[in-house]
């Protein structure tokens, strides 16, 4: 469930960026999100999370936000072997659109590497990211998601 909410949060943050920091109303976004297969509960949860996260800011979000994130965490050689390029790109995007901060980025990497001895895929990073952002660790604890017998792309060549 958290993984799907994370997808909606990314959609909402992209919408905010396109609208110079203004979050479109839930009524405006709901039909599009429903057409993508999301439930009203998932949409509401994601929308609430975004509002809760940014309601205490004193200035409009993204008002002075740079077009690009000016620094990126460089992965070590070991980390590059353990994380797919798609997974790393997803994490960089989340930091760039302020869905997560640098500390949460490090937490996601740490937990993903601790859970999986194999190469960590995009879907696995999404699961761990959702758990970190929404404090839902029961899904991550299912090690079957990180089992190379279940997903053969997890094996390192």
N, C-alpha and C. Protein backbone atom coordinates (compact mmCIF):
# COMPACT_ATOMS: atom_id res chain seq x y z
N UNK A 1 0.83 -1.20 0.00
CA UNK A 1 0.00 0.00 0.00
C UNK A 1 0.86 1.25 0.00
N UNK A 2 1.92 1.31 0.83
CA UNK A 2 2.78 2.48 0.90
C UNK A 2 3.46 2.79 -0.41
N UNK A 3 3.78 1.73 -1.16
CA UNK A 3 4.43 1.91 -2.46
C UNK A 3 3.53 2.68 -3.41
N UNK A 4 2.25 2.38 -3.42
CA UNK A 4 1.30 3.07 -4.30
C UNK A 4 1.09 4.52 -3.84
N UNK A 5 1.08 4.74 -2.54
CA UNK A 5 0.94 6.09 -2.03
C UNK A 5 2.17 6.92 -2.40
N UNK A 6 3.34 6.30 -2.33
CA UNK A 6 4.56 6.99 -2.74
C UNK A 6 4.48 7.43 -4.20
N UNK A 7 3.95 6.58 -5.05
CA UNK A 7 3.79 6.94 -6.47
C UNK A 7 2.90 8.18 -6.61
N UNK A 8 1.84 8.24 -5.81
CA UNK A 8 0.94 9.40 -5.86
C UNK A 8 1.65 10.64 -5.32
N UNK A 9 2.42 10.49 -4.25
CA UNK A 9 3.17 11.62 -3.69
C UNK A 9 4.10 12.20 -4.75
N UNK A 10 4.80 11.34 -5.48
CA UNK A 10 5.69 11.81 -6.55
C UNK A 10 4.88 12.57 -7.60
N UNK A 11 3.72 12.06 -7.96
CA UNK A 11 2.84 12.72 -8.92
C UNK A 11 2.42 14.10 -8.40
N UNK A 12 2.05 14.18 -7.12
CA UNK A 12 1.64 15.46 -6.53
C UNK A 12 2.79 16.46 -6.50
N UNK A 13 3.98 15.99 -6.14
CA UNK A 13 5.12 16.90 -6.08
C UNK A 13 5.50 17.39 -7.48
N UNK A 14 5.40 16.53 -8.47
CA UNK A 14 5.63 16.97 -9.85
C UNK A 14 4.60 18.02 -10.25
N UNK A 15 3.35 17.83 -9.83
CA UNK A 15 2.29 18.82 -10.12
C UNK A 15 2.59 20.14 -9.44
N UNK A 16 3.09 20.08 -8.20
CA UNK A 16 3.45 21.32 -7.50
C UNK A 16 4.57 22.05 -8.23
N UNK A 17 5.55 21.32 -8.67
CA UNK A 17 6.67 21.95 -9.37
C UNK A 17 6.17 22.62 -10.65
N UNK A 18 5.31 21.96 -11.38
CA UNK A 18 4.77 22.53 -12.62
C UNK A 18 3.92 23.76 -12.36
N UNK A 19 3.31 23.84 -11.17
CA UNK A 19 2.43 24.96 -10.82
C UNK A 19 3.10 25.97 -9.89
N UNK A 20 4.42 26.10 -9.98
CA UNK A 20 5.19 27.06 -9.19
C UNK A 20 4.90 26.98 -7.69
N UNK A 21 4.82 25.77 -7.18
CA UNK A 21 4.67 25.55 -5.75
C UNK A 21 3.25 25.46 -5.24
N UNK A 22 2.28 25.59 -6.11
CA UNK A 22 0.89 25.49 -5.69
C UNK A 22 0.40 24.07 -5.94
N UNK A 23 -0.10 23.46 -4.90
CA UNK A 23 -0.64 22.12 -5.02
C UNK A 23 -2.06 22.22 -5.58
N UNK A 24 -2.31 21.62 -6.74
CA UNK A 24 -3.67 21.64 -7.27
C UNK A 24 -4.63 20.98 -6.29
N UNK A 25 -5.89 21.37 -6.34
CA UNK A 25 -6.86 20.82 -5.40
C UNK A 25 -7.03 19.32 -5.64
N UNK A 26 -7.44 18.66 -4.59
CA UNK A 26 -7.65 17.22 -4.68
C UNK A 26 -8.74 16.90 -5.69
N UNK A 27 -9.75 17.75 -5.78
CA UNK A 27 -10.83 17.53 -6.75
C UNK A 27 -10.32 17.57 -8.19
N UNK A 28 -9.31 18.42 -8.44
CA UNK A 28 -8.75 18.53 -9.79
C UNK A 28 -7.90 17.30 -10.15
N UNK A 29 -7.21 16.75 -9.16
CA UNK A 29 -6.28 15.65 -9.43
C UNK A 29 -6.93 14.27 -9.33
N UNK A 30 -7.96 14.13 -8.55
CA UNK A 30 -8.56 12.82 -8.29
C UNK A 30 -8.99 12.08 -9.55
N UNK A 31 -9.68 12.73 -10.51
CA UNK A 31 -10.08 11.97 -11.71
C UNK A 31 -8.89 11.37 -12.47
N UNK A 32 -7.81 12.14 -12.60
CA UNK A 32 -6.62 11.63 -13.28
C UNK A 32 -6.01 10.44 -12.53
N UNK A 33 -5.94 10.58 -11.21
CA UNK A 33 -5.35 9.50 -10.41
C UNK A 33 -6.24 8.26 -10.40
N UNK A 34 -7.55 8.46 -10.37
CA UNK A 34 -8.47 7.32 -10.45
C UNK A 34 -8.29 6.58 -11.78
N UNK A 35 -8.11 7.35 -12.86
CA UNK A 35 -7.94 6.72 -14.17
C UNK A 35 -6.64 5.92 -14.24
N UNK A 36 -5.68 6.25 -13.37
CA UNK A 36 -4.44 5.49 -13.31
C UNK A 36 -4.56 4.27 -12.40
N UNK A 37 -5.74 4.09 -11.79
CA UNK A 37 -5.99 2.89 -10.99
C UNK A 37 -5.83 3.06 -9.50
N UNK A 38 -5.69 4.27 -9.02
CA UNK A 38 -5.53 4.49 -7.58
C UNK A 38 -6.89 4.65 -6.92
N UNK A 39 -6.99 4.18 -5.69
CA UNK A 39 -8.24 4.27 -4.94
C UNK A 39 -8.36 5.64 -4.27
N UNK A 40 -9.58 5.98 -3.86
CA UNK A 40 -9.80 7.24 -3.16
C UNK A 40 -9.02 7.30 -1.86
N UNK A 41 -8.91 6.17 -1.18
CA UNK A 41 -8.14 6.12 0.07
C UNK A 41 -6.66 6.39 -0.16
N UNK A 42 -6.10 5.81 -1.20
CA UNK A 42 -4.69 6.03 -1.51
C UNK A 42 -4.45 7.49 -1.89
N UNK A 43 -5.35 8.05 -2.69
CA UNK A 43 -5.23 9.45 -3.11
C UNK A 43 -5.31 10.37 -1.89
N UNK A 44 -6.27 10.11 -1.04
CA UNK A 44 -6.45 10.93 0.16
C UNK A 44 -5.24 10.84 1.09
N UNK A 45 -4.70 9.65 1.27
CA UNK A 45 -3.53 9.47 2.13
C UNK A 45 -2.33 10.23 1.59
N UNK A 46 -2.08 10.12 0.30
CA UNK A 46 -0.95 10.81 -0.31
C UNK A 46 -1.12 12.32 -0.23
N UNK A 47 -2.31 12.80 -0.53
CA UNK A 47 -2.59 14.23 -0.49
C UNK A 47 -2.41 14.76 0.94
N UNK A 48 -2.91 14.02 1.92
CA UNK A 48 -2.76 14.43 3.32
C UNK A 48 -1.29 14.47 3.73
N UNK A 49 -0.51 13.49 3.28
CA UNK A 49 0.91 13.45 3.62
C UNK A 49 1.62 14.68 3.09
N UNK A 50 1.34 15.05 1.85
CA UNK A 50 1.98 16.23 1.25
C UNK A 50 1.58 17.49 2.01
N UNK A 51 0.31 17.62 2.31
CA UNK A 51 -0.16 18.81 3.04
C UNK A 51 0.46 18.85 4.43
N UNK A 52 0.47 17.73 5.15
CA UNK A 52 1.06 17.69 6.50
C UNK A 52 2.54 18.04 6.47
N UNK A 53 3.22 17.58 5.46
CA UNK A 53 4.67 17.82 5.39
C UNK A 53 4.99 19.29 5.13
N UNK A 54 4.17 19.98 4.38
CA UNK A 54 4.52 21.34 3.96
C UNK A 54 3.62 22.43 4.51
N UNK A 55 2.67 22.11 5.39
CA UNK A 55 1.77 23.15 5.88
C UNK A 55 2.45 24.12 6.84
N UNK A 56 3.57 23.74 7.44
CA UNK A 56 4.25 24.61 8.39
C UNK A 56 5.34 25.45 7.77
N UNK A 57 5.48 25.43 6.45
CA UNK A 57 6.49 26.27 5.82
C UNK A 57 5.97 27.70 5.73
N UNK A 58 6.85 28.66 5.93
CA UNK A 58 6.47 30.05 5.96
C UNK A 58 6.40 30.69 4.58
N UNK A 59 6.97 30.06 3.60
CA UNK A 59 6.95 30.62 2.26
C UNK A 59 6.39 29.58 1.30
N UNK A 60 5.90 30.01 0.16
CA UNK A 60 5.37 29.04 -0.79
C UNK A 60 6.45 28.04 -1.21
N UNK A 61 6.09 26.79 -1.16
CA UNK A 61 7.04 25.75 -1.54
C UNK A 61 7.41 25.89 -3.01
N UNK A 62 8.66 25.71 -3.32
CA UNK A 62 9.22 25.82 -4.67
C UNK A 62 9.31 27.26 -5.17
N UNK A 63 8.94 28.27 -4.35
CA UNK A 63 8.98 29.65 -4.83
C UNK A 63 10.39 30.03 -5.28
N UNK A 64 11.37 29.67 -4.49
CA UNK A 64 12.76 29.97 -4.84
C UNK A 64 13.54 28.68 -5.08
N UNK A 65 12.84 27.65 -5.44
CA UNK A 65 13.45 26.34 -5.60
C UNK A 65 14.25 26.30 -6.89
N UNK A 66 15.49 25.89 -6.83
CA UNK A 66 16.29 25.83 -8.06
C UNK A 66 15.75 24.77 -9.01
N UNK A 67 16.00 24.97 -10.29
CA UNK A 67 15.55 24.02 -11.30
C UNK A 67 16.19 22.65 -11.11
N UNK A 68 17.41 22.63 -10.61
CA UNK A 68 18.13 21.38 -10.42
C UNK A 68 18.64 21.27 -8.99
N UNK A 69 18.71 20.08 -8.51
CA UNK A 69 19.33 19.81 -7.22
C UNK A 69 20.83 19.97 -7.44
N UNK A 70 21.50 20.78 -6.62
CA UNK A 70 22.89 21.13 -6.90
C UNK A 70 23.93 20.11 -6.45
N UNK A 71 23.52 19.15 -5.67
CA UNK A 71 24.48 18.13 -5.27
C UNK A 71 23.78 16.79 -5.20
N UNK A 72 24.51 15.78 -5.53
CA UNK A 72 23.99 14.41 -5.45
C UNK A 72 24.97 13.56 -4.67
N UNK A 73 24.44 12.65 -3.96
CA UNK A 73 25.24 11.69 -3.21
C UNK A 73 25.91 10.77 -4.21
N UNK A 74 27.22 10.67 -4.13
CA UNK A 74 27.96 9.78 -5.02
C UNK A 74 28.05 8.42 -4.34
N UNK A 75 27.66 7.39 -5.06
CA UNK A 75 27.70 6.04 -4.51
C UNK A 75 29.12 5.50 -4.51
N UNK A 76 29.43 4.71 -3.49
CA UNK A 76 30.71 4.04 -3.47
C UNK A 76 30.70 2.91 -4.50
N UNK A 77 31.85 2.34 -4.76
CA UNK A 77 31.92 1.23 -5.72
C UNK A 77 31.02 0.08 -5.27
N UNK A 78 31.04 -0.25 -4.00
CA UNK A 78 30.18 -1.31 -3.48
C UNK A 78 28.71 -0.98 -3.68
N UNK A 79 28.33 0.26 -3.37
CA UNK A 79 26.93 0.66 -3.51
C UNK A 79 26.47 0.60 -4.97
N UNK A 80 27.34 0.98 -5.89
CA UNK A 80 26.98 0.91 -7.32
C UNK A 80 26.72 -0.53 -7.74
N UNK A 81 27.44 -1.48 -7.15
CA UNK A 81 27.22 -2.88 -7.47
C UNK A 81 25.93 -3.40 -6.84
N UNK A 82 25.53 -2.82 -5.72
CA UNK A 82 24.36 -3.30 -4.99
C UNK A 82 23.05 -2.65 -5.42
N UNK A 83 23.10 -1.54 -6.15
CA UNK A 83 21.91 -0.77 -6.46
C UNK A 83 21.80 -0.59 -7.97
N UNK A 84 20.63 -0.90 -8.53
CA UNK A 84 20.46 -0.73 -9.97
C UNK A 84 20.45 0.76 -10.31
N UNK A 85 20.86 1.12 -11.52
CA UNK A 85 20.82 2.54 -11.92
C UNK A 85 19.42 3.14 -11.83
N UNK A 86 18.40 2.35 -12.15
CA UNK A 86 17.02 2.84 -12.06
C UNK A 86 16.64 3.17 -10.62
N UNK A 87 17.07 2.34 -9.69
CA UNK A 87 16.78 2.58 -8.28
C UNK A 87 17.47 3.84 -7.79
N UNK A 88 18.73 4.02 -8.16
CA UNK A 88 19.46 5.22 -7.77
C UNK A 88 18.82 6.46 -8.38
N UNK A 89 18.44 6.39 -9.65
CA UNK A 89 17.79 7.52 -10.31
C UNK A 89 16.49 7.91 -9.63
N UNK A 90 15.74 6.91 -9.19
CA UNK A 90 14.49 7.18 -8.48
C UNK A 90 14.76 7.93 -7.18
N UNK A 91 15.77 7.49 -6.44
CA UNK A 91 16.11 8.15 -5.18
C UNK A 91 16.57 9.58 -5.40
N UNK A 92 17.38 9.79 -6.43
CA UNK A 92 17.85 11.14 -6.76
C UNK A 92 16.66 12.04 -7.09
N UNK A 93 15.69 11.51 -7.83
CA UNK A 93 14.50 12.30 -8.17
C UNK A 93 13.73 12.68 -6.92
N UNK A 94 13.57 11.76 -5.99
CA UNK A 94 12.82 12.06 -4.76
C UNK A 94 13.49 13.15 -3.94
N UNK A 95 14.81 13.16 -3.92
CA UNK A 95 15.52 14.22 -3.22
C UNK A 95 15.36 15.54 -3.98
N UNK A 96 15.46 15.48 -5.30
CA UNK A 96 15.36 16.70 -6.11
C UNK A 96 14.00 17.37 -6.01
N UNK A 97 12.93 16.59 -5.87
CA UNK A 97 11.59 17.18 -5.76
C UNK A 97 11.14 17.29 -4.31
N UNK A 98 12.07 17.10 -3.39
CA UNK A 98 11.86 17.30 -1.95
C UNK A 98 10.83 16.37 -1.33
N UNK A 99 10.67 15.20 -1.88
CA UNK A 99 9.83 14.19 -1.24
C UNK A 99 10.57 13.63 -0.04
N UNK A 100 11.89 13.51 -0.16
CA UNK A 100 12.69 13.07 0.97
C UNK A 100 13.95 13.91 1.05
N UNK A 101 14.53 13.94 2.23
CA UNK A 101 15.75 14.72 2.43
C UNK A 101 16.97 13.80 2.38
N UNK A 102 18.13 14.40 2.53
CA UNK A 102 19.38 13.62 2.43
C UNK A 102 19.48 12.55 3.52
N UNK A 103 18.99 12.85 4.70
CA UNK A 103 19.04 11.87 5.78
C UNK A 103 18.16 10.66 5.46
N UNK A 104 16.97 10.91 4.92
CA UNK A 104 16.09 9.82 4.54
C UNK A 104 16.70 9.02 3.38
N UNK A 105 17.38 9.71 2.47
CA UNK A 105 18.07 9.04 1.37
C UNK A 105 19.06 8.01 1.93
N UNK A 106 19.86 8.45 2.90
CA UNK A 106 20.84 7.55 3.51
C UNK A 106 20.16 6.40 4.24
N UNK A 107 19.06 6.68 4.89
CA UNK A 107 18.32 5.63 5.60
C UNK A 107 17.80 4.58 4.63
N UNK A 108 17.27 5.04 3.50
CA UNK A 108 16.76 4.09 2.49
C UNK A 108 17.91 3.21 2.00
N UNK A 109 19.05 3.82 1.67
CA UNK A 109 20.19 3.01 1.21
C UNK A 109 20.61 2.00 2.26
N UNK A 110 20.74 2.46 3.48
CA UNK A 110 21.19 1.59 4.57
C UNK A 110 20.25 0.40 4.76
N UNK A 111 18.96 0.67 4.78
CA UNK A 111 17.98 -0.41 5.01
C UNK A 111 17.89 -1.35 3.81
N UNK A 112 17.95 -0.80 2.62
CA UNK A 112 17.87 -1.65 1.42
C UNK A 112 19.07 -2.59 1.37
N UNK A 113 20.24 -2.08 1.66
CA UNK A 113 21.44 -2.91 1.62
C UNK A 113 21.45 -3.93 2.75
N UNK A 114 20.88 -3.57 3.90
CA UNK A 114 20.84 -4.50 5.03
C UNK A 114 19.86 -5.63 4.78
N UNK A 115 18.76 -5.34 4.10
CA UNK A 115 17.73 -6.35 3.87
C UNK A 115 18.11 -7.31 2.76
N UNK A 116 18.77 -6.80 1.75
CA UNK A 116 19.04 -7.64 0.58
C UNK A 116 20.53 -7.82 0.33
N UNK A 117 20.99 -9.07 0.36
CA UNK A 117 22.39 -9.31 0.01
C UNK A 117 22.61 -9.26 -1.51
N UNK A 118 21.53 -9.25 -2.25
CA UNK A 118 21.60 -9.21 -3.71
C UNK A 118 21.44 -7.78 -4.20
N UNK A 119 21.50 -7.60 -5.50
CA UNK A 119 21.33 -6.28 -6.10
C UNK A 119 19.90 -5.77 -5.84
N UNK A 120 19.78 -4.53 -5.41
CA UNK A 120 18.50 -3.95 -5.04
C UNK A 120 17.87 -3.29 -6.27
N UNK A 121 16.65 -3.71 -6.59
CA UNK A 121 15.95 -3.22 -7.78
C UNK A 121 15.13 -1.97 -7.47
N UNK A 122 14.60 -1.37 -8.51
CA UNK A 122 13.74 -0.20 -8.38
C UNK A 122 12.53 -0.49 -7.50
N UNK A 123 11.87 -1.61 -7.73
CA UNK A 123 10.68 -1.95 -6.94
C UNK A 123 11.03 -2.13 -5.47
N UNK A 124 12.17 -2.71 -5.19
CA UNK A 124 12.58 -2.89 -3.80
C UNK A 124 12.89 -1.55 -3.15
N UNK A 125 13.54 -0.65 -3.89
CA UNK A 125 13.83 0.67 -3.35
C UNK A 125 12.53 1.43 -3.09
N UNK A 126 11.56 1.29 -3.97
CA UNK A 126 10.26 1.94 -3.74
C UNK A 126 9.63 1.43 -2.46
N UNK A 127 9.70 0.15 -2.23
CA UNK A 127 9.13 -0.44 -1.02
C UNK A 127 9.82 0.09 0.23
N UNK A 128 11.15 0.11 0.22
CA UNK A 128 11.90 0.60 1.38
C UNK A 128 11.65 2.09 1.57
N UNK A 129 11.61 2.85 0.47
CA UNK A 129 11.37 4.29 0.55
C UNK A 129 10.01 4.57 1.17
N UNK A 130 8.99 3.86 0.73
CA UNK A 130 7.66 4.05 1.30
C UNK A 130 7.67 3.72 2.79
N UNK A 131 8.38 2.68 3.16
CA UNK A 131 8.45 2.32 4.58
C UNK A 131 9.13 3.42 5.39
N UNK A 132 10.21 3.99 4.85
CA UNK A 132 10.92 5.06 5.57
C UNK A 132 10.05 6.31 5.66
N UNK A 133 9.44 6.71 4.57
CA UNK A 133 8.64 7.94 4.56
C UNK A 133 7.36 7.83 5.38
N UNK A 134 6.72 6.67 5.32
CA UNK A 134 5.42 6.51 5.97
C UNK A 134 5.48 5.66 7.23
N UNK A 135 6.70 5.31 7.68
CA UNK A 135 6.91 4.49 8.88
C UNK A 135 6.11 3.20 8.85
N UNK A 136 6.19 2.49 7.72
CA UNK A 136 5.49 1.22 7.55
C UNK A 136 6.51 0.12 7.28
N UNK A 137 7.01 -0.49 8.32
CA UNK A 137 8.07 -1.46 8.13
C UNK A 137 7.60 -2.90 8.03
N UNK A 138 6.32 -3.16 8.20
CA UNK A 138 5.85 -4.54 8.13
C UNK A 138 6.02 -5.10 6.72
N UNK A 139 5.80 -4.27 5.68
CA UNK A 139 5.96 -4.75 4.30
C UNK A 139 7.41 -5.07 3.99
N UNK A 140 8.32 -4.25 4.49
CA UNK A 140 9.74 -4.44 4.20
C UNK A 140 10.27 -5.70 4.86
N UNK A 141 9.70 -6.05 5.97
CA UNK A 141 10.17 -7.22 6.70
C UNK A 141 9.88 -8.52 5.96
N UNK A 142 9.08 -8.47 4.91
CA UNK A 142 8.81 -9.66 4.12
C UNK A 142 10.01 -9.93 3.22
N UNK A 143 10.89 -10.76 3.67
CA UNK A 143 12.13 -11.00 2.93
C UNK A 143 11.91 -11.70 1.60
N UNK A 144 10.72 -12.25 1.38
CA UNK A 144 10.43 -12.89 0.09
C UNK A 144 10.56 -11.89 -1.04
N UNK A 145 10.34 -10.62 -0.74
CA UNK A 145 10.47 -9.59 -1.77
C UNK A 145 11.91 -9.42 -2.21
N UNK A 146 12.85 -9.88 -1.39
CA UNK A 146 14.26 -9.74 -1.69
C UNK A 146 14.92 -11.09 -1.97
N UNK A 147 14.13 -12.06 -2.32
CA UNK A 147 14.61 -13.41 -2.56
C UNK A 147 14.91 -13.60 -4.05
N UNK A 148 16.15 -13.93 -4.44
CA UNK A 148 16.47 -14.10 -5.85
C UNK A 148 15.72 -15.23 -6.52
N UNK A 149 15.17 -16.15 -5.73
CA UNK A 149 14.37 -17.21 -6.34
C UNK A 149 13.03 -16.67 -6.80
N UNK A 150 12.53 -15.61 -6.14
CA UNK A 150 11.28 -14.98 -6.52
C UNK A 150 11.50 -14.03 -7.70
N UNK A 151 12.60 -13.28 -7.66
CA UNK A 151 12.91 -12.30 -8.70
C UNK A 151 14.34 -12.55 -9.20
N UNK A 152 14.50 -13.20 -10.36
CA UNK A 152 15.84 -13.54 -10.85
C UNK A 152 16.69 -12.34 -11.19
N UNK A 153 16.12 -11.14 -11.32
CA UNK A 153 16.92 -9.94 -11.60
C UNK A 153 17.75 -9.52 -10.40
N UNK A 154 17.51 -10.16 -9.26
CA UNK A 154 18.23 -9.79 -8.05
C UNK A 154 19.64 -10.37 -7.99
N UNK A 155 19.95 -11.29 -8.84
CA UNK A 155 21.28 -11.90 -8.79
C UNK A 155 22.30 -11.02 -9.47
N UNK A 156 23.46 -10.91 -8.86
CA UNK A 156 24.55 -10.12 -9.41
C UNK A 156 25.37 -11.03 -10.31
N UNK A 157 25.65 -10.59 -11.51
CA UNK A 157 26.43 -11.40 -12.45
C UNK A 157 27.89 -11.34 -12.16
